[in-house]
Amino acid sequence: MLSEGQARALAEEFLLASRVAGEPEFAILWDLARVKDGVLVAPYNSVRFMETRDYSDQLLDCWPILVDMSSSLVRFARIDEPEFWGAAPEDQQ
């Protein structure tokens, strides 16, 4: 079983490895990350959005990074996994 720190490191490595030439620089929004059912959910977006938090700087189609803390598998979330999108349920009102 990975610790949350180890899962965060894997998410960072995955994001770096998935970057394509010409794309903006990305960063994980750690203030929005959470562990849900043994999976680290790590949303990310452009570094510019992180700096400004202005929604006009937010990039679309940035599916969260999922790290299964029991198997160490890392991947992007899929459209059919809404349970991993957005804010934690306790933050939604």
PDB file of N, CA and C in Angstrom:
ATOM      1  N   MET A   1       0.851  -1.185   0.000  1.00  0.00           N
ATOM      2  CA  MET A   1       0.000   0.000   0.000  1.00  0.00           C
ATOM      3  C   MET A   1       0.888   1.236   0.000  1.00  0.00           C
ATOM      4  N   LEU A   2       0.631   2.128  -0.944  1.00  0.00           N
ATOM      5  CA  LEU A   2       1.386   3.372  -1.026  1.00  0.00           C
ATOM      6  C   LEU A   2       0.927   4.345   0.050  1.00  0.00           C
ATOM      7  N   SER A   3       1.844   5.146   0.524  1.00  0.00           N
ATOM      8  CA  SER A   3       1.462   6.269   1.376  1.00  0.00           C
ATOM      9  C   SER A   3       0.932   7.366   0.461  1.00  0.00           C
ATOM     10  N   GLU A   4       0.274   8.350   1.036  1.00  0.00           N
ATOM     11  CA  GLU A   4      -0.209   9.459   0.219  1.00  0.00           C
ATOM     12  C   GLU A   4       0.956  10.205  -0.420  1.00  0.00           C
ATOM     13  N   GLY A   5       2.054  10.339   0.293  1.00  0.00           N
ATOM     14  CA  GLY A   5       3.237  10.999  -0.261  1.00  0.00           C
ATOM     15  C   GLY A   5       3.799  10.260  -1.468  1.00  0.00           C
ATOM     16  N   GLN A   6       3.851   8.922  -1.378  1.00  0.00           N
ATOM     17  CA  GLN A   6       4.329   8.127  -2.507  1.00  0.00           C
ATOM     18  C   GLN A   6       3.371   8.244  -3.698  1.00  0.00           C
ATOM     19  N   ALA A   7       2.071   8.242  -3.414  1.00  0.00           N
ATOM     20  CA  ALA A   7       1.075   8.372  -4.489  1.00  0.00           C
ATOM     21  C   ALA A   7       1.193   9.736  -5.160  1.00  0.00           C
ATOM     22  N   ARG A   8       1.443  10.775  -4.366  1.00  0.00           N
ATOM     23  CA  ARG A   8       1.620  12.113  -4.938  1.00  0.00           C
ATOM     24  C   ARG A   8       2.838  12.149  -5.862  1.00  0.00           C
ATOM     25  N   ALA A   9       3.920  11.505  -5.448  1.00  0.00           N
ATOM     26  CA  ALA A   9       5.130  11.475  -6.278  1.00  0.00           C
ATOM     27  C   ALA A   9       4.855  10.762  -7.603  1.00  0.00           C
ATOM     28  N   LEU A  10       4.110   9.657  -7.553  1.00  0.00           N
ATOM     29  CA  LEU A  10       3.760   8.945  -8.789  1.00  0.00           C
ATOM     30  C   LEU A  10       2.890   9.810  -9.697  1.00  0.00           C
ATOM     31  N   ALA A  11       1.964  10.549  -9.120  1.00  0.00           N
ATOM     32  CA  ALA A  11       1.112  11.436  -9.919  1.00  0.00           C
ATOM     33  C   ALA A  11       1.948  12.506 -10.614  1.00  0.00           C
ATOM     34  N   GLU A  12       2.906  13.078  -9.900  1.00  0.00           N
ATOM     35  CA  GLU A  12       3.792  14.101 -10.482  1.00  0.00           C
ATOM     36  C   GLU A  12       4.599  13.518 -11.637  1.00  0.00           C
ATOM     37  N   GLU A  13       5.159  12.323 -11.438  1.00  0.00           N
ATOM     38  CA  GLU A  13       5.946  11.665 -12.491  1.00  0.00           C
ATOM     39  C   GLU A  13       5.075  11.370 -13.715  1.00  0.00           C
ATOM     40  N   PHE A  14       3.871  10.900 -13.475  1.00  0.00           N
ATOM     41  CA  PHE A  14       2.941  10.581 -14.564  1.00  0.00           C
ATOM     42  C   PHE A  14       2.597  11.830 -15.371  1.00  0.00           C
ATOM     43  N   LEU A  15       2.320  12.920 -14.686  1.00  0.00           N
ATOM     44  CA  LEU A  15       1.980  14.162 -15.374  1.00  0.00           C
ATOM     45  C   LEU A  15       3.142  14.639 -16.228  1.00  0.00           C
ATOM     46  N   LEU A  16       4.339  14.582 -15.691  1.00  0.00           N
ATOM     47  CA  LEU A  16       5.525  14.984 -16.452  1.00  0.00           C
ATOM     48  C   LEU A  16       5.719  14.100 -17.684  1.00  0.00           C
ATOM     49  N   ALA A  17       5.565  12.790 -17.507  1.00  0.00           N
ATOM     50  CA  ALA A  17       5.785  11.842 -18.605  1.00  0.00           C
ATOM     51  C   ALA A  17       4.713  11.952 -19.687  1.00  0.00           C
ATOM     52  N   SER A  18       3.525  12.426 -19.328  1.00  0.00           N
ATOM     53  CA  SER A  18       2.434  12.487 -20.298  1.00  0.00           C
ATOM     54  C   SER A  18       2.427  13.778 -21.115  1.00  0.00           C
ATOM     55  N   ARG A  19       3.266  14.715 -20.755  1.00  0.00           N
ATOM     56  CA  ARG A  19       3.280  16.016 -21.438  1.00  0.00           C
ATOM     57  C   ARG A  19       3.790  15.874 -22.870  1.00  0.00           C
ATOM     58  N   VAL A  20       3.118  16.525 -23.782  1.00  0.00           N
ATOM     59  CA  VAL A  20       3.457  16.511 -25.202  1.00  0.00           C
ATOM     60  C   VAL A  20       4.101  17.846 -25.557  1.00  0.00           C
ATOM     61  N   ALA A  21       5.082  17.805 -26.445  1.00  0.00           N
ATOM     62  CA  ALA A  21       5.748  19.042 -26.877  1.00  0.00           C
ATOM     63  C   ALA A  21       4.715  20.043 -27.376  1.00  0.00           C
ATOM     64  N   GLY A  22       4.905  21.290 -27.005  1.00  0.00           N
ATOM     65  CA  GLY A  22       4.007  22.350 -27.435  1.00  0.00           C
ATOM     66  C   GLY A  22       2.864  22.614 -26.469  1.00  0.00           C
ATOM     67  N   GLU A  23       2.626  21.704 -25.535  1.00  0.00           N
ATOM     68  CA  GLU A  23       1.578  21.928 -24.535  1.00  0.00           C
ATOM     69  C   GLU A  23       2.073  22.913 -23.487  1.00  0.00           C
ATOM     70  N   PRO A  24       1.151  23.601 -22.833  1.00  0.00           N
ATOM     71  CA  PRO A  24       1.577  24.475 -21.734  1.00  0.00           C
ATOM     72  C   PRO A  24       2.095  23.635 -20.570  1.00  0.00           C
ATOM     73  N   GLU A  25       2.766  24.284 -19.662  1.00  0.00           N
ATOM     74  CA  GLU A  25       3.248  23.588 -18.475  1.00  0.00           C
ATOM     75  C   GLU A  25       2.064  23.310 -17.558  1.00  0.00           C
ATOM     76  N   PHE A  26       2.000  22.090 -17.025  1.00  0.00           N
ATOM     77  CA  PHE A  26       0.920  21.680 -16.135  1.00  0.00           C
ATOM     78  C   PHE A  26       1.428  21.525 -14.716  1.00  0.00           C
ATOM     79  N   ALA A  27       0.504  21.606 -13.768  1.00  0.00           N
ATOM     80  CA  ALA A  27       0.814  21.354 -12.368  1.00  0.00           C
ATOM     81  C   ALA A  27      -0.422  20.767 -11.694  1.00  0.00           C
ATOM     82  N   ILE A  28      -0.184  19.965 -10.688  1.00  0.00           N
ATOM     83  CA  ILE A  28      -1.281  19.353  -9.938  1.00  0.00           C
ATOM     84  C   ILE A  28      -1.809  20.355  -8.919  1.00  0.00           C
ATOM     85  N   LEU A  29      -3.113  20.405  -8.818  1.00  0.00           N
ATOM     86  CA  LEU A  29      -3.781  21.302  -7.877  1.00  0.00           C
ATOM     87  C   LEU A  29      -3.912  20.573  -6.530  1.00  0.00           C
ATOM     88  N   TRP A  30      -2.830  20.555  -5.779  1.00  0.00           N
ATOM     89  CA  TRP A  30      -2.803  19.755  -4.550  1.00  0.00           C
ATOM     90  C   TRP A  30      -3.840  20.192  -3.525  1.00  0.00           C
ATOM     91  N   ASP A  31      -4.239  21.444  -3.561  1.00  0.00           N
ATOM     92  CA  ASP A  31      -5.266  21.896  -2.616  1.00  0.00           C
ATOM     93  C   ASP A  31      -6.630  21.281  -2.908  1.00  0.00           C
ATOM     94  N   LEU A  32      -6.808  20.726  -4.105  1.00  0.00           N
ATOM     95  CA  LEU A  32      -8.062  20.069  -4.469  1.00  0.00           C
ATOM     96  C   LEU A  32      -7.938  18.545  -4.504  1.00  0.00           C
ATOM     97  N   ALA A  33      -6.735  18.015  -4.302  1.00  0.00           N
ATOM     98  CA  ALA A  33      -6.522  16.566  -4.345  1.00  0.00           C
ATOM     99  C   ALA A  33      -7.149  15.919  -3.111  1.00  0.00           C
ATOM    100  N   ARG A  34      -7.516  14.646  -3.283  1.00  0.00           N
ATOM    101  CA  ARG A  34      -8.089  13.905  -2.164  1.00  0.00           C
ATOM    102  C   ARG A  34      -7.906  12.408  -2.397  1.00  0.00           C
ATOM    103  N   VAL A  35      -8.068  11.639  -1.345  1.00  0.00           N
ATOM    104  CA  VAL A  35      -8.063  10.185  -1.456  1.00  0.00           C
ATOM    105  C   VAL A  35      -9.505   9.724  -1.339  1.00  0.00           C
ATOM    106  N   LYS A  36      -9.931   8.928  -2.319  1.00  0.00           N
ATOM    107  CA  LYS A  36     -11.297   8.400  -2.338  1.00  0.00           C
ATOM    108  C   LYS A  36     -11.234   6.900  -2.594  1.00  0.00           C
ATOM    109  N   ASP A  37     -11.695   6.125  -1.655  1.00  0.00           N
ATOM    110  CA  ASP A  37     -11.730   4.664  -1.800  1.00  0.00           C
ATOM    111  C   ASP A  37     -10.369   4.084  -2.187  1.00  0.00           C
ATOM    112  N   GLY A  38      -9.307   4.573  -1.566  1.00  0.00           N
ATOM    113  CA  GLY A  38      -7.968   4.049  -1.832  1.00  0.00           C
ATOM    114  C   GLY A  38      -7.327   4.555  -3.107  1.00  0.00           C
ATOM    115  N   VAL A  39      -7.923   5.572  -3.710  1.00  0.00           N
ATOM    116  CA  VAL A  39      -7.384   6.152  -4.950  1.00  0.00           C
ATOM    117  C   VAL A  39      -7.103   7.630  -4.707  1.00  0.00           C
ATOM    118  N   LEU A  40      -5.859   8.035  -4.975  1.00  0.00           N
ATOM    119  CA  LEU A  40      -5.529   9.453  -4.924  1.00  0.00           C
ATOM    120  C   LEU A  40      -6.084  10.094  -6.186  1.00  0.00           C
ATOM    121  N   VAL A  41      -6.907  11.111  -6.024  1.00  0.00           N
ATOM    122  CA  VAL A  41      -7.490  11.859  -7.137  1.00  0.00           C
ATOM    123  C   VAL A  41      -6.744  13.184  -7.187  1.00  0.00           C
ATOM    124  N   ALA A  42      -5.978  13.378  -8.263  1.00  0.00           N
ATOM    125  CA  ALA A  42      -5.105  14.545  -8.376  1.00  0.00           C
ATOM    126  C   ALA A  42      -5.501  15.388  -9.589  1.00  0.00           C
ATOM    127  N   PRO A  43      -6.337  16.414  -9.386  1.00  0.00           N
ATOM    128  CA  PRO A  43      -6.676  17.292 -10.497  1.00  0.00           C
ATOM    129  C   PRO A  43      -5.468  18.140 -10.894  1.00  0.00           C
ATOM    130  N   TYR A  44      -5.413  18.503 -12.155  1.00  0.00           N
ATOM    131  CA  TYR A  44      -4.302  19.328 -12.633  1.00  0.00           C
ATOM    132  C   TYR A  44      -4.820  20.321 -13.649  1.00  0.00           C
ATOM    133  N   ASN A  45      -4.016  21.318 -13.922  1.00  0.00           N
ATOM    134  CA  ASN A  45      -4.334  22.299 -14.947  1.00  0.00           C
ATOM    135  C   ASN A  45      -3.055  23.046 -15.272  1.00  0.00           C
ATOM    136  N   SER A  46      -3.191  24.117 -16.024  1.00  0.00           N
ATOM    137  CA  SER A  46      -2.005  24.873 -16.422  1.00  0.00           C
ATOM    138  C   SER A  46      -1.397  25.600 -15.218  1.00  0.00           C
ATOM    139  N   VAL A  47      -0.111  25.809 -15.277  1.00  0.00           N
ATOM    140  CA  VAL A  47       0.566  26.567 -14.235  1.00  0.00           C
ATOM    141  C   VAL A  47      -0.010  27.974 -14.173  1.00  0.00           C
ATOM    142  N   ARG A  48      -0.336  28.529 -15.330  1.00  0.00           N
ATOM    143  CA  ARG A  48      -0.921  29.881 -15.356  1.00  0.00           C
ATOM    144  C   ARG A  48      -2.226  29.924 -14.555  1.00  0.00           C
ATOM    145  N   PHE A  49      -3.091  28.920 -14.734  1.00  0.00           N
ATOM    146  CA  PHE A  49      -4.335  28.878 -13.973  1.00  0.00           C
ATOM    147  C   PHE A  49      -4.055  28.764 -12.470  1.00  0.00           C
ATOM    148  N   MET A  50      -3.051  27.978 -12.121  1.00  0.00           N
ATOM    149  CA  MET A  50      -2.707  27.842 -10.702  1.00  0.00           C
ATOM    150  C   MET A  50      -2.280  29.176 -10.109  1.00  0.00           C
ATOM    151  N   GLU A  51      -1.574  29.953 -10.896  1.00  0.00           N
ATOM    152  CA  GLU A  51      -1.088  31.250 -10.408  1.00  0.00           C
ATOM    153  C   GLU A  51      -2.216  32.268 -10.296  1.00  0.00           C
ATOM    154  N   THR A  52      -3.127  32.276 -11.276  1.00  0.00           N
ATOM    155  CA  THR A  52      -4.154  33.325 -11.314  1.00  0.00           C
ATOM    156  C   THR A  52      -5.486  32.890 -10.711  1.00  0.00           C
ATOM    157  N   ARG A  53      -5.801  31.609 -10.819  1.00  0.00           N
ATOM    158  CA  ARG A  53      -7.112  31.054 -10.454  1.00  0.00           C
ATOM    159  C   ARG A  53      -8.244  31.773 -11.193  1.00  0.00           C
ATOM    160  N   ASP A  54      -7.867  32.341 -12.328  1.00  0.00           N
ATOM    161  CA  ASP A  54      -8.829  33.010 -13.202  1.00  0.00           C
ATOM    162  C   ASP A  54      -9.356  31.950 -14.175  1.00  0.00           C
ATOM    163  N   TYR A  55     -10.684  31.775 -14.201  1.00  0.00           N
ATOM    164  CA  TYR A  55     -11.253  30.717 -15.036  1.00  0.00           C
ATOM    165  C   TYR A  55     -11.000  30.914 -16.517  1.00  0.00           C
ATOM    166  N   SER A  56     -10.644  32.116 -16.941  1.00  0.00           N
ATOM    167  CA  SER A  56     -10.301  32.313 -18.356  1.00  0.00           C
ATOM    168  C   SER A  56      -8.937  31.693 -18.673  1.00  0.00           C
ATOM    169  N   ASP A  57      -8.136  31.376 -17.637  1.00  0.00           N
ATOM    170  CA  ASP A  57      -6.841  30.716 -17.826  1.00  0.00           C
ATOM    171  C   ASP A  57      -6.936  29.199 -17.666  1.00  0.00           C
ATOM    172  N   GLN A  58      -8.108  28.716 -17.263  1.00  0.00           N
ATOM    173  CA  GLN A  58      -8.276  27.286 -17.019  1.00  0.00           C
ATOM    174  C   GLN A  58      -8.364  26.526 -18.338  1.00  0.00           C
ATOM    175  N   LEU A  59      -7.636  25.434 -18.444  1.00  0.00           N
ATOM    176  CA  LEU A  59      -7.694  24.589 -19.632  1.00  0.00           C
ATOM    177  C   LEU A  59      -8.765  23.528 -19.434  1.00  0.00           C
ATOM    178  N   LEU A  60      -9.501  23.241 -20.499  1.00  0.00           N
ATOM    179  CA  LEU A  60     -10.521  22.207 -20.452  1.00  0.00           C
ATOM    180  C   LEU A  60      -9.901  20.864 -20.806  1.00  0.00           C
ATOM    181  N   ASP A  61     -10.621  19.808 -20.534  1.00  0.00           N
ATOM    182  CA  ASP A  61     -10.197  18.453 -20.881  1.00  0.00           C
ATOM    183  C   ASP A  61      -8.973  17.988 -20.091  1.00  0.00           C
ATOM    184  N   CYS A  62      -8.844  18.437 -18.874  1.00  0.00           N
ATOM    185  CA  CYS A  62      -7.774  17.981 -17.985  1.00  0.00           C
ATOM    186  C   CYS A  62      -8.382  17.017 -16.966  1.00  0.00           C
ATOM    187  N   TRP A  63      -8.516  15.762 -17.368  1.00  0.00           N
ATOM    188  CA  TRP A  63      -9.104  14.758 -16.496  1.00  0.00           C
ATOM    189  C   TRP A  63      -8.156  14.475 -15.338  1.00  0.00           C
ATOM    190  N   PRO A  64      -8.650  14.301 -14.126  1.00  0.00           N
ATOM    191  CA  PRO A  64      -7.767  14.080 -12.976  1.00  0.00           C
ATOM    192  C   PRO A  64      -6.877  12.850 -13.159  1.00  0.00           C
ATOM    193  N   ILE A  65      -5.757  12.897 -12.508  1.00  0.00           N
ATOM    194  CA  ILE A  65      -4.859  11.747 -12.449  1.00  0.00           C
ATOM    195  C   ILE A  65      -5.315  10.889 -11.287  1.00  0.00           C
ATOM    196  N   LEU A  66      -5.411   9.577 -11.520  1.00  0.00           N
ATOM    197  CA  LEU A  66      -5.816   8.641 -10.483  1.00  0.00           C
ATOM    198  C   LEU A  66      -4.653   7.726 -10.150  1.00  0.00           C
ATOM    199  N   VAL A  67      -4.343   7.615  -8.866  1.00  0.00           N
ATOM    200  CA  VAL A  67      -3.291   6.700  -8.411  1.00  0.00           C
ATOM    201  C   VAL A  67      -3.936   5.696  -7.466  1.00  0.00           C
ATOM    202  N   ASP A  68      -3.983   4.433  -7.892  1.00  0.00           N
ATOM    203  CA  ASP A  68      -4.506   3.373  -7.033  1.00  0.00           C
ATOM    204  C   ASP A  68      -3.443   3.072  -5.983  1.00  0.00           C
ATOM    205  N   MET A  69      -3.737   3.379  -4.744  1.00  0.00           N
ATOM    206  CA  MET A  69      -2.730   3.280  -3.690  1.00  0.00           C
ATOM    207  C   MET A  69      -2.438   1.838  -3.281  1.00  0.00           C
ATOM    208  N   SER A  70      -3.269   0.879  -3.691  1.00  0.00           N
ATOM    209  CA  SER A  70      -2.985  -0.522  -3.367  1.00  0.00           C
ATOM    210  C   SER A  70      -2.179  -1.214  -4.462  1.00  0.00           C
ATOM    211  N   SER A  71      -2.366  -0.798  -5.721  1.00  0.00           N
ATOM    212  CA  SER A  71      -1.661  -1.467  -6.828  1.00  0.00           C
ATOM    213  C   SER A  71      -0.573  -0.609  -7.468  1.00  0.00           C
ATOM    214  N   SER A  72      -0.511   0.681  -7.136  1.00  0.00           N
ATOM    215  CA  SER A  72       0.438   1.645  -7.722  1.00  0.00           C
ATOM    216  C   SER A  72       0.150   1.977  -9.180  1.00  0.00           C
ATOM    217  N   LEU A  73      -1.012   1.592  -9.699  1.00  0.00           N
ATOM    218  CA  LEU A  73      -1.354   1.925 -11.078  1.00  0.00           C
ATOM    219  C   LEU A  73      -1.745   3.398 -11.154  1.00  0.00           C
ATOM    220  N   VAL A  74      -1.276   4.063 -12.208  1.00  0.00           N
ATOM    221  CA  VAL A  74      -1.536   5.491 -12.401  1.00  0.00           C
ATOM    222  C   VAL A  74      -2.128   5.682 -13.792  1.00  0.00           C
ATOM    223  N   ARG A  75      -3.176   6.488 -13.862  1.00  0.00           N
ATOM    224  CA  ARG A  75      -3.818   6.753 -15.153  1.00  0.00           C
ATOM    225  C   ARG A  75      -4.661   8.006 -15.027  1.00  0.00           C
ATOM    226  N   PHE A  76      -5.140   8.480 -16.182  1.00  0.00           N
ATOM    227  CA  PHE A  76      -6.097   9.578 -16.188  1.00  0.00           C
ATOM    228  C   PHE A  76      -7.497   9.014 -15.959  1.00  0.00           C
ATOM    229  N   ALA A  77      -8.343   9.783 -15.286  1.00  0.00           N
ATOM    230  CA  ALA A  77      -9.751   9.410 -15.127  1.00  0.00           C
ATOM    231  C   ALA A  77     -10.420   9.408 -16.503  1.00  0.00           C
ATOM    232  N   ARG A  78     -11.538   8.710 -16.594  1.00  0.00           N
ATOM    233  CA  ARG A  78     -12.294   8.633 -17.846  1.00  0.00           C
ATOM    234  C   ARG A  78     -13.636   9.341 -17.683  1.00  0.00           C
ATOM    235  N   ILE A  79     -14.253   9.599 -18.795  1.00  0.00           N
ATOM    236  CA  ILE A  79     -15.536  10.309 -18.797  1.00  0.00           C
ATOM    237  C   ILE A  79     -16.624   9.518 -18.060  1.00  0.00           C
ATOM    238  N   ASP A  80     -16.499   8.202 -18.027  1.00  0.00           N
ATOM    239  CA  ASP A  80     -17.522   7.385 -17.363  1.00  0.00           C
ATOM    240  C   ASP A  80     -17.229   7.182 -15.871  1.00  0.00           C
ATOM    241  N   GLU A  81     -16.382   8.040 -15.307  1.00  0.00           N
ATOM    242  CA  GLU A  81     -16.043   7.956 -13.884  1.00  0.00           C
ATOM    243  C   GLU A  81     -16.334   9.278 -13.166  1.00  0.00           C
ATOM    244  N   PRO A  82     -17.585   9.726 -13.181  1.00  0.00           N
ATOM    245  CA  PRO A  82     -17.898  11.034 -12.588  1.00  0.00           C
ATOM    246  C   PRO A  82     -17.595  11.104 -11.094  1.00  0.00           C
ATOM    247  N   GLU A  83     -17.483   9.975 -10.438  1.00  0.00           N
ATOM    248  CA  GLU A  83     -17.178   9.992  -9.009  1.00  0.00           C
ATOM    249  C   GLU A  83     -15.793  10.571  -8.713  1.00  0.00           C
ATOM    250  N   PHE A  84     -14.962  10.696  -9.735  1.00  0.00           N
ATOM    251  CA  PHE A  84     -13.621  11.252  -9.548  1.00  0.00           C
ATOM    252  C   PHE A  84     -13.500  12.689 -10.043  1.00  0.00           C
ATOM    253  N   TRP A  85     -14.588  13.300 -10.471  1.00  0.00           N
ATOM    254  CA  TRP A  85     -14.550  14.674 -10.977  1.00  0.00           C
ATOM    255  C   TRP A  85     -14.829  15.650  -9.854  1.00  0.00           C
ATOM    256  N   GLY A  86     -14.326  16.853 -10.041  1.00  0.00           N
ATOM    257  CA  GLY A  86     -14.732  17.988  -9.217  1.00  0.00           C
ATOM    258  C   GLY A  86     -14.399  17.891  -7.750  1.00  0.00           C
ATOM    259  N   ALA A  87     -15.136  18.662  -6.981  1.00  0.00           N
ATOM    260  CA  ALA A  87     -14.897  18.800  -5.550  1.00  0.00           C
ATOM    261  C   ALA A  87     -15.324  17.550  -4.805  1.00  0.00           C
ATOM    262  N   ALA A  88     -14.757  17.371  -3.637  1.00  0.00           N
ATOM    263  CA  ALA A  88     -15.154  16.289  -2.749  1.00  0.00           C
ATOM    264  C   ALA A  88     -16.618  16.508  -2.361  1.00  0.00           C
ATOM    265  N   PRO A  89     -17.386  15.427  -2.160  1.00  0.00           N
ATOM    266  CA  PRO A  89     -18.808  15.571  -1.834  1.00  0.00           C
ATOM    267  C   PRO A  89     -19.083  16.516  -0.665  1.00  0.00           C
ATOM    268  N   GLU A  90     -18.222  16.532   0.341  1.00  0.00           N
ATOM    269  CA  GLU A  90     -18.455  17.397   1.493  1.00  0.00           C
ATOM    270  C   GLU A  90     -18.292  18.873   1.134  1.00  0.00           C
ATOM    271  N   ASP A  91     -17.645  19.165  -0.005  1.00  0.00           N
ATOM    272  CA  ASP A  91     -17.474  20.541  -0.456  1.00  0.00           C
ATOM    273  C   ASP A  91     -18.628  21.021  -1.330  1.00  0.00           C
ATOM    274  N   GLN A  92     -19.437  20.089  -1.815  1.00  0.00           N
ATOM    275  CA  GLN A  92     -20.545  20.455  -2.690  1.00  0.00           C
ATOM    276  C   GLN A  92     -21.757  20.792  -1.842  1.00  0.00           C
ATOM    277  N   GLN A  93     -22.469  21.845  -2.223  1.00  0.00           N
ATOM    278  CA  GLN A  93     -23.652  22.236  -1.440  1.00  0.00           C
ATOM    279  C   GLN A  93     -24.824  22.467  -2.327  1.00  0.00           C
TER     280      GLN A  93
END
